[in-house]
Every structure is written in C-alpha cells, then in structure tokens.
C-alpha atoms as a PDB file:
ATOM      1  CA  MET A   1      55.304 130.013 132.750  1.00  0.00           C
ATOM      2  CA  THR A   2      57.570 129.964 136.042  1.00  0.00           C
ATOM      3  CA  SER A   3      60.452 130.569 134.281  1.00  0.00           C
ATOM      4  CA  ILE A   4      60.093 134.564 134.529  1.00  0.00           C
ATOM      5  CA  LEU A   5      61.077 134.089 138.310  1.00  0.00           C
ATOM      6  CA  GLU A   6      64.939 133.153 137.141  1.00  0.00           C
ATOM      7  CA  LYS A   7      64.972 137.180 136.133  1.00  0.00           C
ATOM      8  CA  CYS A   8      62.244 138.804 137.767  1.00  0.00           C
ATOM      9  CA  THR A   9      60.778 141.575 135.675  1.00  0.00           C
ATOM     10  CA  ILE A  10      56.744 140.545 137.151  1.00  0.00           C
ATOM     11  CA  CYS A  11      55.684 144.047 138.851  1.00  0.00           C
ATOM     12  CA  PRO A  12      57.417 147.450 137.809  1.00  0.00           C
ATOM     13  CA  HIS A  13      60.472 147.311 139.876  1.00  0.00           C
ATOM     14  CA  ASN A  14      62.089 145.356 137.124  1.00  0.00           C
ATOM     15  CA  CYS A  15      64.777 143.709 140.071  1.00  0.00           C
ATOM     16  CA  LYS A  16      65.989 140.667 137.348  1.00  0.00           C
ATOM     17  CA  ILE A  17      67.054 138.778 140.428  1.00  0.00           C
ATOM     18  CA  ASN A  18      66.633 134.814 140.349  1.00  0.00           C
ATOM     19  CA  ARG A  19      64.163 133.952 142.553  1.00  0.00           C
ATOM     20  CA  LYS A  20      64.773 130.260 141.837  1.00  0.00           C
ATOM     21  CA  ALA A  21      68.300 130.505 143.589  1.00  0.00           C
ATOM     22  CA  GLY A  22      67.089 132.015 146.482  1.00  0.00           C
ATOM     23  CA  GLN A  23      67.372 135.757 145.480  1.00  0.00           C
ATOM     24  CA  ILE A  24      65.361 138.546 146.782  1.00  0.00           C
ATOM     25  CA  GLY A  25      63.881 141.056 145.297  1.00  0.00           C
ATOM     26  CA  ARG A  26      61.581 144.432 146.317  1.00  0.00           C
ATOM     27  CA  CYS A  27      58.975 142.485 147.218  1.00  0.00           C
ATOM     28  CA  LYS A  28      61.019 140.239 149.373  1.00  0.00           C
ATOM     29  CA  SER A  29      58.918 137.070 147.652  1.00  0.00           C
ATOM     30  CA  LYS A  30      60.756 133.894 146.885  1.00  0.00           C
ATOM     31  CA  ASP A  31      60.048 131.134 143.618  1.00  0.00           C
ATOM     32  CA  THR A  32      57.515 129.318 146.656  1.00  0.00           C
ATOM     33  CA  VAL A  33      54.229 131.110 146.867  1.00  0.00           C
ATOM     34  CA  LYS A  34      53.559 132.517 150.468  1.00  0.00           C
ATOM     35  CA  ILE A  35      50.023 132.914 151.766  1.00  0.00           C
ATOM     36  CA  ALA A  36      49.024 134.771 155.048  1.00  0.00           C
ATOM     37  CA  LEU A  37      45.556 132.926 155.288  1.00  0.00           C
ATOM     38  CA  TYR A  38      42.407 131.723 153.492  1.00  0.00           C
ATOM     39  CA  SER A  39      38.782 132.592 154.726  1.00  0.00           C
ATOM     40  CA  THR A  40      35.707 134.014 153.927  1.00  0.00           C
ATOM     41  CA  HIS A  41      35.427 137.462 153.870  1.00  0.00           C
ATOM     42  CA  ASN A  42      32.081 139.475 153.727  1.00  0.00           C
ATOM     43  CA  PHE A  43      32.734 143.006 154.272  1.00  0.00           C
ATOM     44  CA  GLU A  44      34.025 143.647 150.447  1.00  0.00           C
ATOM     45  CA  GLU A  45      31.588 145.727 147.996  1.00  0.00           C
ATOM     46  CA  PRO A  46      28.060 144.059 148.349  1.00  0.00           C
ATOM     47  CA  CYS A  47      28.863 142.810 144.522  1.00  0.00           C
ATOM     48  CA  ILE A  48      31.623 141.019 145.525  1.00  0.00           C
ATOM     49  CA  SER A  49      30.904 139.501 149.017  1.00  0.00           C
ATOM     50  CA  GLY A  50      27.428 139.119 148.686  1.00  0.00           C
ATOM     51  CA  LYS A  51      25.452 137.018 151.111  1.00  0.00           C
ATOM     52  CA  LYS A  52      27.809 133.824 151.005  1.00  0.00           C
ATOM     53  CA  GLY A  53      30.858 136.030 151.145  1.00  0.00           C
ATOM     54  CA  SER A  54      34.216 136.166 149.251  1.00  0.00           C
ATOM     55  CA  GLY A  55      36.654 133.686 149.183  1.00  0.00           C
ATOM     56  CA  THR A  56      39.442 135.730 150.160  1.00  0.00           C
ATOM     57  CA  VAL A  57      43.352 134.138 149.924  1.00  0.00           C
ATOM     58  CA  PHE A  58      45.917 136.709 151.465  1.00  0.00           C
ATOM     59  CA  PHE A  59      49.030 136.305 149.749  1.00  0.00           C
ATOM     60  CA  SER A  60      52.082 137.320 151.823  1.00  0.00           C
ATOM     61  CA  ASN A  61      54.820 140.606 150.966  1.00  0.00           C
ATOM     62  CA  CYS A  62      53.926 143.300 148.519  1.00  0.00           C
ATOM     63  CA  ASN A  63      55.928 145.155 146.063  1.00  0.00           C
ATOM     64  CA  LEU A  64      55.034 148.363 147.826  1.00  0.00           C
ATOM     65  CA  ASN A  65      56.174 149.621 151.016  1.00  0.00           C
ATOM     66  CA  CYS A  66      52.674 151.679 152.120  1.00  0.00           C
ATOM     67  CA  VAL A  67      53.795 153.828 155.882  1.00  0.00           C
ATOM     68  CA  PHE A  68      50.011 153.087 156.247  1.00  0.00           C
ATOM     69  CA  CYS A  69      49.357 149.599 155.653  1.00  0.00           C
ATOM     70  CA  GLN A  70      46.633 147.964 157.865  1.00  0.00           C
ATOM     71  CA  ASN A  71      47.935 144.498 156.785  1.00  0.00           C
ATOM     72  CA  TYR A  72      51.532 145.585 157.451  1.00  0.00           C
ATOM     73  CA  GLU A  73      52.421 142.245 158.895  1.00  0.00           C
ATOM     74  CA  ILE A  74      51.782 140.176 155.836  1.00  0.00           C
ATOM     75  CA  SER A  75      52.827 142.751 153.099  1.00  0.00           C
ATOM     76  CA  GLN A  76      55.640 144.323 154.711  1.00  0.00           C
ATOM     77  CA  GLN A  77      56.865 141.576 157.603  1.00  0.00           C
ATOM     78  CA  GLY A  78      56.008 138.642 155.538  1.00  0.00           C
ATOM     79  CA  LYS A  79      53.904 136.841 158.007  1.00  0.00           C
ATOM     80  CA  GLY A  80      52.777 133.681 156.243  1.00  0.00           C
ATOM     81  CA  LYS A  81      53.416 129.781 155.419  1.00  0.00           C
ATOM     82  CA  GLU A  82      55.426 128.776 152.457  1.00  0.00           C
ATOM     83  CA  ILE A  83      53.029 126.278 150.428  1.00  0.00           C
ATOM     84  CA  SER A  84      53.346 124.650 146.152  1.00  0.00           C
ATOM     85  CA  ILE A  85      51.528 125.212 143.464  1.00  0.00           C
ATOM     86  CA  GLN A  86      48.982 122.285 144.156  1.00  0.00           C
ATOM     87  CA  GLU A  87      48.475 123.418 147.496  1.00  0.00           C
ATOM     88  CA  LEU A  88      46.854 126.850 146.460  1.00  0.00           C
ATOM     89  CA  ALA A  89      44.866 125.001 143.601  1.00  0.00           C
ATOM     90  CA  GLU A  90      43.725 122.841 146.357  1.00  0.00           C
ATOM     91  CA  ILE A  91      42.954 125.861 148.218  1.00  0.00           C
ATOM     92  CA  PHE A  92      40.851 127.184 145.661  1.00  0.00           C
ATOM     93  CA  ILE A  93      38.804 123.977 145.479  1.00  0.00           C
ATOM     94  CA  LYS A  94      38.321 124.171 149.223  1.00  0.00           C
ATOM     95  CA  GLN A  95      36.515 128.026 148.910  1.00  0.00           C
ATOM     96  CA  GLN A  96      34.497 127.106 146.182  1.00  0.00           C
ATOM     97  CA  GLU A  97      33.523 123.634 148.523  1.00  0.00           C
ATOM     98  CA  LYS A  98      32.140 126.316 151.133  1.00  0.00           C
ATOM     99  CA  ASP A  99      29.909 128.078 148.710  1.00  0.00           C
ATOM    100  CA  VAL A 100      31.875 131.467 148.543  1.00  0.00           C
ATOM    101  CA  GLU A 101      30.865 133.781 145.532  1.00  0.00           C
ATOM    102  CA  ASN A 102      34.220 133.628 144.227  1.00  0.00           C
ATOM    103  CA  ILE A 103      38.490 133.157 144.722  1.00  0.00           C
ATOM    104  CA  ASN A 104      39.630 136.570 145.903  1.00  0.00           C
ATOM    105  CA  LEU A 105      43.591 137.284 145.476  1.00  0.00           C
ATOM    106  CA  VAL A 106      44.086 139.636 147.926  1.00  0.00           C
ATOM    107  CA  THR A 107      47.843 141.353 146.825  1.00  0.00           C
ATOM    108  CA  PRO A 108      48.825 138.313 144.664  1.00  0.00           C
ATOM    109  CA  THR A 109      51.480 140.258 142.288  1.00  0.00           C
ATOM    110  CA  SER A 110      54.463 138.670 143.304  1.00  0.00           C
ATOM    111  CA  TYR A 111      53.025 135.307 142.193  1.00  0.00           C
ATOM    112  CA  VAL A 112      50.973 135.395 138.821  1.00  0.00           C
ATOM    113  CA  PRO A 113      53.179 133.208 136.902  1.00  0.00           C
ATOM    114  CA  GLN A 114      52.284 130.302 139.893  1.00  0.00           C
ATOM    115  CA  ILE A 115      48.919 131.623 140.484  1.00  0.00           C
ATOM    116  CA  ILE A 116      48.386 130.845 136.958  1.00  0.00           C
ATOM    117  CA  GLU A 117      49.566 127.466 137.263  1.00  0.00           C
ATOM    118  CA  ALA A 118      47.482 126.806 140.248  1.00  0.00           C
ATOM    119  CA  ILE A 119      44.234 128.209 137.953  1.00  0.00           C
ATOM    120  CA  LYS A 120      45.226 125.737 135.644  1.00  0.00           C
ATOM    121  CA  ILE A 121      45.404 122.555 137.668  1.00  0.00           C
ATOM    122  CA  ALA A 122      42.035 123.815 139.954  1.00  0.00           C
ATOM    123  CA  ARG A 123      40.176 124.427 136.600  1.00  0.00           C
ATOM    124  CA  LYS A 124      40.353 120.659 135.899  1.00  0.00           C
ATOM    125  CA  LYS A 125      39.341 119.617 139.223  1.00  0.00           C
ATOM    126  CA  GLY A 126      35.931 121.264 138.823  1.00  0.00           C
ATOM    127  CA  LEU A 127      36.307 125.222 139.602  1.00  0.00           C
ATOM    128  CA  LYS A 128      33.805 126.972 138.164  1.00  0.00           C
ATOM    129  CA  ILE A 129      33.154 130.589 140.234  1.00  0.00           C
ATOM    130  CA  PRO A 130      34.508 133.906 139.658  1.00  0.00           C
ATOM    131  CA  ILE A 131      38.360 134.938 140.100  1.00  0.00           C
ATOM    132  CA  ILE A 132      39.157 138.334 141.546  1.00  0.00           C
ATOM    133  CA  TYR A 133      42.469 140.065 141.359  1.00  0.00           C
ATOM    134  CA  ASN A 134      42.395 142.602 144.271  1.00  0.00           C
ATOM    135  CA  THR A 135      45.920 144.084 143.737  1.00  0.00           C
ATOM    136  CA  ASN A 136      47.526 147.793 145.380  1.00  0.00           C
ATOM    137  CA  GLY A 137      47.918 149.094 141.081  1.00  0.00           C
ATOM    138  CA  TYR A 138      51.681 149.137 140.540  1.00  0.00           C
ATOM    139  CA  GLU A 139      51.761 146.248 137.918  1.00  0.00           C
ATOM    140  CA  LYS A 140      52.977 146.330 134.342  1.00  0.00           C
ATOM    141  CA  VAL A 141      50.770 145.898 131.804  1.00  0.00           C
ATOM    142  CA  GLU A 142      52.861 142.270 130.308  1.00  0.00           C
ATOM    143  CA  THR A 143      51.584 141.267 133.503  1.00  0.00           C
ATOM    144  CA  ILE A 144      48.248 141.689 133.220  1.00  0.00           C
ATOM    145  CA  LYS A 145      48.215 140.581 129.867  1.00  0.00           C
ATOM    146  CA  MET A 146      49.692 137.459 131.137  1.00  0.00           C
ATOM    147  CA  LEU A 147      46.522 136.902 133.225  1.00  0.00           C
ATOM    148  CA  ASP A 148      44.329 137.459 130.358  1.00  0.00           C
ATOM    149  CA  GLY A 149      41.745 134.738 130.347  1.00  0.00           C
ATOM    150  CA  TYR A 150      42.690 133.267 134.121  1.00  0.00           C
ATOM    151  CA  ILE A 151      41.099 136.564 135.889  1.00  0.00           C
ATOM    152  CA  ASP A 152      37.297 137.578 135.413  1.00  0.00           C
ATOM    153  CA  ILE A 153      37.207 140.464 137.886  1.00  0.00           C
ATOM    154  CA  TYR A 154      39.759 143.345 138.769  1.00  0.00           C
ATOM    155  CA  LEU A 155      40.276 145.045 142.080  1.00  0.00           C
ATOM    156  CA  PRO A 156      42.749 147.438 141.483  1.00  0.00           C
ATOM    157  CA  ASP A 157      43.624 150.208 144.055  1.00  0.00           C
ATOM    158  CA  LEU A 158      44.103 153.680 142.636  1.00  0.00           C
ATOM    159  CA  LYS A 159      45.951 155.256 145.469  1.00  0.00           C
ATOM    160  CA  TYR A 160      47.535 158.459 144.170  1.00  0.00           C
ATOM    161  CA  SER A 161      47.451 160.824 140.943  1.00  0.00           C
ATOM    162  CA  ASP A 162      50.419 163.068 142.721  1.00  0.00           C
ATOM    163  CA  ASN A 163      53.475 160.757 142.274  1.00  0.00           C
ATOM    164  CA  LEU A 164      55.511 162.408 144.802  1.00  0.00           C
ATOM    165  CA  LEU A 165      53.195 161.161 147.898  1.00  0.00           C
ATOM    166  CA  ALA A 166      53.450 157.766 146.296  1.00  0.00           C
ATOM    167  CA  LYS A 167      57.182 158.062 146.371  1.00  0.00           C
ATOM    168  CA  ARG A 168      57.140 159.831 150.147  1.00  0.00           C
ATOM    169  CA  LEU A 169      53.872 157.099 150.872  1.00  0.00           C
ATOM    170  CA  SER A 170      54.714 154.099 149.442  1.00  0.00           C
ATOM    171  CA  LYS A 171      58.477 154.275 148.190  1.00  0.00           C
ATOM    172  CA  VAL A 172      57.506 153.783 144.742  1.00  0.00           C
ATOM    173  CA  ASP A 173      58.137 155.877 141.599  1.00  0.00           C
ATOM    174  CA  ASN A 174      56.056 157.101 138.834  1.00  0.00           C
ATOM    175  CA  TYR A 175      52.683 155.522 140.601  1.00  0.00           C
ATOM    176  CA  PHE A 176      49.824 156.997 138.886  1.00  0.00           C
ATOM    177  CA  GLU A 177      51.268 156.680 135.068  1.00  0.00           C
ATOM    178  CA  ILE A 178      52.312 153.082 135.687  1.00  0.00           C
ATOM    179  CA  ALA A 179      49.042 151.871 137.175  1.00  0.00           C
ATOM    180  CA  THR A 180      46.550 153.692 134.915  1.00  0.00           C
ATOM    181  CA  LYS A 181      48.619 152.001 132.364  1.00  0.00           C
ATOM    182  CA  ALA A 182      47.949 148.748 133.788  1.00  0.00           C
ATOM    183  CA  ILE A 183      44.206 149.879 134.795  1.00  0.00           C
ATOM    184  CA  LYS A 184      42.822 150.084 131.495  1.00  0.00           C
ATOM    185  CA  GLU A 185      44.678 147.114 130.076  1.00  0.00           C
ATOM    186  CA  MET A 186      42.653 144.938 133.252  1.00  0.00           C
ATOM    187  CA  HIS A 187      39.418 146.665 131.492  1.00  0.00           C
ATOM    188  CA  LYS A 188      40.021 145.956 128.341  1.00  0.00           C
ATOM    189  CA  GLN A 189      39.922 142.482 129.332  1.00  0.00           C
ATOM    190  CA  VAL A 190      37.024 142.274 131.252  1.00  0.00           C
ATOM    191  CA  GLY A 191      35.047 145.114 129.620  1.00  0.00           C
ATOM    192  CA  GLN A 192      31.545 145.694 130.781  1.00  0.00           C
ATOM    193  CA  PRO A 193      30.375 144.534 134.198  1.00  0.00           C
ATOM    194  CA  THR A 194      27.646 141.884 134.045  1.00  0.00           C
ATOM    195  CA  PHE A 195      26.267 140.522 136.984  1.00  0.00           C
ATOM    196  CA  ASN A 196      23.854 137.529 138.314  1.00  0.00           C
ATOM    197  CA  GLU A 197      20.571 136.851 139.349  1.00  0.00           C
ATOM    198  CA  ASN A 198      21.726 137.855 143.023  1.00  0.00           C
ATOM    199  CA  GLY A 199      23.067 141.185 141.936  1.00  0.00           C
ATOM    200  CA  ILE A 200      26.806 139.101 142.200  1.00  0.00           C
ATOM    201  CA  MET A 201      28.957 140.587 139.807  1.00  0.00           C
ATOM    202  CA  GLN A 202      30.685 138.244 137.424  1.00  0.00           C
ATOM    203  CA  LYS A 203      32.498 139.704 135.046  1.00  0.00           C
ATOM    204  CA  GLY A 204      34.544 143.393 135.273  1.00  0.00           C
ATOM    205  CA  MET A 205      36.228 145.400 137.208  1.00  0.00           C
ATOM    206  CA  ILE A 206      35.865 147.796 140.499  1.00  0.00           C
ATOM    207  CA  ILE A 207      38.577 150.759 141.231  1.00  0.00           C
ATOM    208  CA  ARG A 208      38.892 151.565 144.748  1.00  0.00           C
ATOM    209  CA  HIS A 209      40.167 154.841 146.261  1.00  0.00           C
ATOM    210  CA  LEU A 210      41.405 155.320 150.148  1.00  0.00           C
ATOM    211  CA  VAL A 211      41.334 158.241 150.843  1.00  0.00           C
ATOM    212  CA  LEU A 212      43.902 160.210 153.190  1.00  0.00           C
ATOM    213  CA  PRO A 213      43.701 162.815 155.561  1.00  0.00           C
ATOM    214  CA  ASN A 214      45.229 165.983 154.189  1.00  0.00           C
ATOM    215  CA  ASN A 215      45.021 164.855 150.466  1.00  0.00           C
ATOM    216  CA  ILE A 216      41.955 165.807 149.424  1.00  0.00           C
ATOM    217  CA  LEU A 217      43.018 167.333 146.139  1.00  0.00           C
ATOM    218  CA  ASN A 218      44.972 163.480 145.234  1.00  0.00           C
ATOM    219  CA  SER A 219      41.268 162.070 145.335  1.00  0.00           C
ATOM    220  CA  ARG A 220      39.815 164.313 143.278  1.00  0.00           C
ATOM    221  CA  ARG A 221      42.267 163.927 140.876  1.00  0.00           C
ATOM    222  CA  VAL A 222      41.868 160.058 140.757  1.00  0.00           C
ATOM    223  CA  LEU A 223      38.192 160.274 140.410  1.00  0.00           C
ATOM    224  CA  LYS A 224      38.657 162.720 137.852  1.00  0.00           C
ATOM    225  CA  TRP A 225      40.992 160.536 135.924  1.00  0.00           C
ATOM    226  CA  ILE A 226      38.129 157.471 136.293  1.00  0.00           C
ATOM    227  CA  ASN A 227      35.482 159.944 135.060  1.00  0.00           C
ATOM    228  CA  ASP A 228      37.372 160.783 132.076  1.00  0.00           C
ATOM    229  CA  ASN A 229      38.773 157.455 131.320  1.00  0.00           C
ATOM    230  CA  MET A 230      36.204 155.210 131.945  1.00  0.00           C
ATOM    231  CA  ASN A 231      33.185 156.419 133.751  1.00  0.00           C
ATOM    232  CA  GLU A 232      31.115 153.244 133.186  1.00  0.00           C
ATOM    233  CA  VAL A 233      33.223 151.246 135.565  1.00  0.00           C
ATOM    234  CA  TYR A 234      32.357 150.975 139.353  1.00  0.00           C
ATOM    235  CA  VAL A 235      34.063 153.082 141.866  1.00  0.00           C
ATOM    236  CA  SER A 236      34.548 152.138 145.346  1.00  0.00           C
ATOM    237  CA  VAL A 237      35.278 155.302 147.588  1.00  0.00           C
ATOM    238  CA  MET A 238      36.755 154.596 151.267  1.00  0.00           C
ATOM    239  CA  ALA A 239      36.960 155.831 154.116  1.00  0.00           C
ATOM    240  CA  GLN A 240      37.949 153.582 156.089  1.00  0.00           C
ATOM    241  CA  TYR A 241      41.831 155.066 156.273  1.00  0.00           C
ATOM    242  CA  PHE A 242      43.173 155.244 160.199  1.00  0.00           C
ATOM    243  CA  PRO A 243      46.585 155.597 161.393  1.00  0.00           C
ATOM    244  CA  THR A 244      48.773 152.563 161.811  1.00  0.00           C
ATOM    245  CA  TYR A 245      52.387 150.995 161.040  1.00  0.00           C
ATOM    246  CA  LYS A 246      54.385 154.263 160.351  1.00  0.00           C
ATOM    247  CA  ALA A 247      51.691 156.542 159.986  1.00  0.00           C
ATOM    248  CA  LYS A 248      51.300 157.332 163.295  1.00  0.00           C
ATOM    249  CA  GLU A 249      54.855 159.089 163.098  1.00  0.00           C
ATOM    250  CA  ILE A 250      53.867 160.803 160.017  1.00  0.00           C
ATOM    251  CA  GLU A 251      52.006 164.263 160.997  1.00  0.00           C
ATOM    252  CA  GLU A 252      50.492 164.523 157.596  1.00  0.00           C
ATOM    253  CA  ILE A 253      48.855 161.334 158.237  1.00  0.00           C
ATOM    254  CA  ASN A 254      48.794 160.523 161.686  1.00  0.00           C
ATOM    255  CA  ARG A 255      44.801 161.315 161.801  1.00  0.00           C
ATOM    256  CA  LYS A 256      41.426 159.504 160.635  1.00  0.00           C
ATOM    257  CA  LEU A 257      39.475 161.462 158.133  1.00  0.00           C
ATOM    258  CA  THR A 258      37.366 164.607 159.381  1.00  0.00           C
ATOM    259  CA  LYS A 259      33.676 164.709 158.483  1.00  0.00           C
ATOM    260  CA  GLU A 260      34.472 168.024 156.556  1.00  0.00           C
ATOM    261  CA  GLU A 261      37.822 166.404 154.448  1.00  0.00           C
ATOM    262  CA  TYR A 262      35.026 163.092 153.631  1.00  0.00           C
ATOM    263  CA  GLN A 263      32.206 165.799 152.818  1.00  0.00           C
ATOM    264  CA  GLN A 264      34.111 167.555 150.685  1.00  0.00           C
ATOM    265  CA  ILE A 265      34.989 163.935 148.133  1.00  0.00           C
ATOM    266  CA  GLU A 266      31.451 162.883 148.656  1.00  0.00           C
ATOM    267  CA  LYS A 267      30.301 166.484 146.981  1.00  0.00           C
ATOM    268  CA  TYR A 268      33.072 165.922 144.280  1.00  0.00           C
ATOM    269  CA  LEU A 269      31.571 162.452 143.391  1.00  0.00           C
ATOM    270  CA  TYR A 270      28.415 163.702 142.896  1.00  0.00           C
ATOM    271  CA  ARG A 271      29.398 166.633 140.591  1.00  0.00           C
ATOM    272  CA  LEU A 272      31.273 163.894 138.305  1.00  0.00           C
ATOM    273  CA  ASN A 273      29.585 161.190 135.961  1.00  0.00           C
ATOM    274  CA  LEU A 274      30.282 158.690 136.919  1.00  0.00           C
ATOM    275  CA  GLU A 275      27.659 156.027 136.920  1.00  0.00           C
ATOM    276  CA  ASN A 276      28.348 153.240 139.111  1.00  0.00           C
ATOM    277  CA  GLY A 277      29.674 152.484 142.360  1.00  0.00           C
ATOM    278  CA  TYR A 278      29.954 152.551 145.941  1.00  0.00           C
ATOM    279  CA  ILE A 279      30.826 155.353 149.053  1.00  0.00           C
ATOM    280  CA  GLN A 280      31.648 154.022 152.448  1.00  0.00           C
ATOM    281  CA  GLU A 281      29.736 155.958 154.995  1.00  0.00           C
ATOM    282  CA  LEU A 282      31.420 157.597 157.940  1.00  0.00           C
ATOM    283  CA  GLY A 283      29.990 156.890 160.592  1.00  0.00           C
ATOM    284  CA  GLU A 284      28.077 159.108 163.387  1.00  0.00           C
ATOM    285  CA  HIS A 285      30.896 160.454 165.022  1.00  0.00           C
ATOM    286  CA  GLU A 286      34.367 161.110 163.115  1.00  0.00           C
ATOM    287  CA  GLU A 287      35.996 158.537 164.894  1.00  0.00           C
ATOM    288  CA  GLU A 288      33.522 155.676 164.073  1.00  0.00           C
ATOM    289  CA  TYR A 289      33.585 153.895 160.427  1.00  0.00           C
ATOM    290  CA  VAL A 290      30.717 152.023 159.440  1.00  0.00           C
ATOM    291  CA  PRO A 291      31.084 148.835 157.383  1.00  0.00           C
ATOM    292  CA  LYS A 292      27.883 150.006 155.070  1.00  0.00           C
ATOM    293  CA  TRP A 293      28.458 150.924 151.068  1.00  0.00           C
ATOM    294  CA  GLU A 294      26.073 153.146 149.244  1.00  0.00           C
ATOM    295  CA  LYS A 295      25.083 152.965 146.325  1.00  0.00           C
END
C-alpha cells in the first residue's frame, strides 16, 4: 500500500517524487506520518460531536496553501511530531478508550496509505467506532477509492466554485472540477446517512462550506451545485471566517463577514431544496461568532 510513496500521486498535484527517499513535494510530507495533536473535540456539527466529543487527529501539512488558514502553523508550517504507523493505530485505540463518538482524521490526504495500514492494525485490536475523513476536498478519485471500506463518514470542504478564486487564495488549479468529482465518489461509497439512537452519524457525508467576505456569488454557486447534484446530503454552512495568516494582507478578505453578507446566504439557502444541514449563526454583534448550529 505504501509503495505509492515512491512515486507520489496521492493528491491532484501528482508530484511523482520519492517520499521514501526523502524527496519533498507540494504538501511537504515525508513517508513518515506527522501529526500535530490528537484530542477530544466538542465543536463539530451536533451529529458528529454529540455529547461525548469527536476523537480528532490533526495531521501536519496540507496539499492546499490557503492564505486564510486558521491552522496555518500545522498545515503550512508543518508543526507536529513524526510517528510510526503502529503509533497511529495506538492513537486510534486510545481515542476509542476515551469513549468519543468517532475517530476524526483532520487533513489526512498526504497520509492515506499509512492511515489505511493503521486502521487495519487498529481494527484487529478492537477499533469499532466510525472513522471520519475530514478533508479540504482537493482529492483524487483514485485515492478516495482506496479508502472504500475504511471510511464511514466523509467530511469534505467544497470551498470554491470559482477556480480563479481557488488559485488566488489556495494556490491550486481546477479546484471545483477536482473537488466535485471526489465528492461524488465519496457520496457513492457512503450513500444515505445513518444515525444511532442518540442522533450521531454512523455513515454518510456532510459537505462543509466556509463563506468568505466579498465572495457571496462563490458561495451561492457552491450551494447550487450541491442542490443540483446531491440535495439529500447534509450541508454545513459556516460563518466563522476571520482574517488570519496571510489574509490580513489581502484587502478582499481582510475582514470578517458582515451580517448582511451572511443573511444573503441564509436567504439563498432557504430557497433551495436542500433537505438536511446546519448553518452557523452570527452573534448579536458582527464581530461575535456563536459556536452554535441550527438545523
């Protein structure tokens, strides 16, 4: 499984470098797994976190270079610790022992082969809770197919409908076409969402979208694509944007959302036929964001 690292084509960049020989490609990841932390997270969507929390594992590095990344120290600067596949499997078991709702793999793309091997080991040791693949959406269909049978819940971003915007803010080409093809494969694998008796998702998909200031049309087109192609999936529309990292230097996005901007998205969302989802509420004041989700 890890032989793909000798000529890495895991993500759409297709760097074809030999990670096992120490070569570094676009995502800056080596053949060793690197994680920043693992923890219990209580602020995902209600059907993900529940009352017990989601067992997150934050992987270092990323195949996007988003200028507004809130976790840029991990994704862009590579903060973290290198661990073995065996150690990753042990982390999955430790998370399960904390009685979390699921294992939540955050920005896992660069390490898909190693993650699959770790899941195999952990399952032999009793890993039973759902596994979430929490991704920026810039994925290869072939890589997502490798994950069939290992992932229970897909949590992809659909950041952009505008490829020029994706190029400008995340430094990638053809984001929309690539992400939507990958999301279709994810949907094909997991199908209709299923929940346990406590309303916690056991299988399915939630598509996330972060609304950016001055880019309401981008958000509308993202939501329209979801509505036209898979309107039964869960959608999570987020208002939590704030200018950080390099975004503070870019006039277009160097501020938070206004109430007016977010209300435009809310009104558009309710005009669509999307059946399920969450929308993150703005606070009473424009600068306040409430970590509350309304269905």
